[in-house]
Amino acid sequence: MAHELAHHSDLFVDKFEDERKDSIWFEKGMCGYLPRKIVLDETAFKEITNIKLELVKVHKGKYGKHSLDKFGTN
């Protein structure tokens, strides 16, 4: 729920419902990061961050050279 509330906050210039002309990935990333950073204690936050960093390492060889802006396109 905190993720969705972050989307509808005044933290981001463009509105969530508007058509986007630029990348949504900064907003998506921040909406994932902010609730974890605010709600979790430091130990839980570090544990989740380390898991996510490990996932990046595991998949970087296959997907690391592709732009997130191309995600979902052919």
Protein backbone atom coordinates (compact mmCIF):
# COMPACT_ATOMS: atom_id res chain seq x y z
CA MET A 1 0.00 0.00 0.00
CA ALA A 2 2.85 2.38 0.78
CA HIS A 3 4.16 1.85 -2.78
CA GLU A 4 0.85 2.99 -4.29
CA LEU A 5 0.58 5.94 -1.90
CA ALA A 6 4.04 7.06 -2.99
CA HIS A 7 2.85 7.09 -6.63
CA HIS A 8 0.02 9.46 -5.73
CA SER A 9 2.11 11.75 -3.53
CA ASP A 10 3.33 15.16 -4.64
CA LEU A 11 6.91 13.88 -4.87
CA PHE A 12 6.80 13.46 -8.64
CA VAL A 13 6.22 16.26 -11.14
CA ASP A 14 3.89 14.49 -13.56
CA LYS A 15 0.67 12.85 -12.49
CA PHE A 16 0.47 9.04 -12.41
CA GLU A 17 -2.58 8.98 -14.69
CA ASP A 18 -1.08 11.24 -17.38
CA GLU A 19 0.49 9.90 -20.55
CA ARG A 20 4.23 9.77 -20.02
CA LYS A 21 6.68 11.22 -22.50
CA ASP A 22 9.71 10.20 -20.46
CA SER A 23 10.78 7.21 -18.42
CA ILE A 24 8.64 5.96 -15.55
CA TRP A 25 11.52 3.95 -14.03
CA PHE A 26 12.80 6.65 -11.68
CA GLU A 27 9.35 7.01 -10.14
CA LYS A 28 8.83 3.23 -9.99
CA GLY A 29 12.19 2.78 -8.30
CA MET A 30 11.60 5.52 -5.76
CA CYS A 31 8.10 4.23 -4.99
CA GLY A 32 9.69 0.90 -4.14
CA TYR A 33 12.62 2.37 -2.23
CA LEU A 34 10.92 5.03 -0.11
CA PRO A 35 8.39 2.78 1.66
CA ARG A 36 11.10 0.23 2.47
CA LYS A 37 13.47 2.92 3.77
CA ILE A 38 10.78 4.59 5.90
CA VAL A 39 8.87 1.55 7.21
CA LEU A 40 11.57 -1.08 7.76
CA ASP A 41 14.20 -1.05 10.46
CA GLU A 42 17.83 -0.77 9.31
CA THR A 43 18.50 -4.53 9.53
CA ALA A 44 15.48 -5.50 7.43
CA PHE A 45 16.20 -2.71 4.94
CA LYS A 46 19.81 -3.86 4.48
CA GLU A 47 18.72 -7.49 4.12
CA ILE A 48 16.22 -6.68 1.35
CA THR A 49 18.71 -4.36 -0.36
CA ASN A 50 21.37 -7.10 -0.35
CA ILE A 51 18.90 -9.60 -1.83
CA LYS A 52 17.98 -7.15 -4.59
CA LEU A 53 21.65 -6.46 -5.33
CA GLU A 54 22.29 -10.20 -5.57
CA LEU A 55 19.40 -10.55 -8.04
CA VAL A 56 20.96 -7.81 -10.18
CA LYS A 57 24.29 -9.70 -10.20
CA VAL A 58 22.58 -12.98 -11.13
CA HIS A 59 20.68 -11.48 -14.07
CA LYS A 60 23.13 -8.81 -15.25
CA GLY A 61 24.92 -11.13 -17.68
CA LYS A 62 21.73 -11.81 -19.60
CA TYR A 63 19.87 -8.50 -19.20
CA GLY A 64 22.48 -5.95 -18.08
CA LYS A 65 23.03 -4.23 -21.41
CA HIS A 66 19.39 -3.43 -22.07
CA SER A 67 17.85 -0.10 -21.15
CA LEU A 68 14.90 -0.16 -18.74
CA ASP A 69 13.18 2.22 -21.16
CA LYS A 70 12.97 -0.70 -23.61
CA PHE A 71 11.31 -3.00 -21.04
CA GLY A 72 8.05 -4.39 -22.41
CA THR A 73 8.72 -3.39 -26.01
CA ASN A 74 9.51 -5.65 -28.95
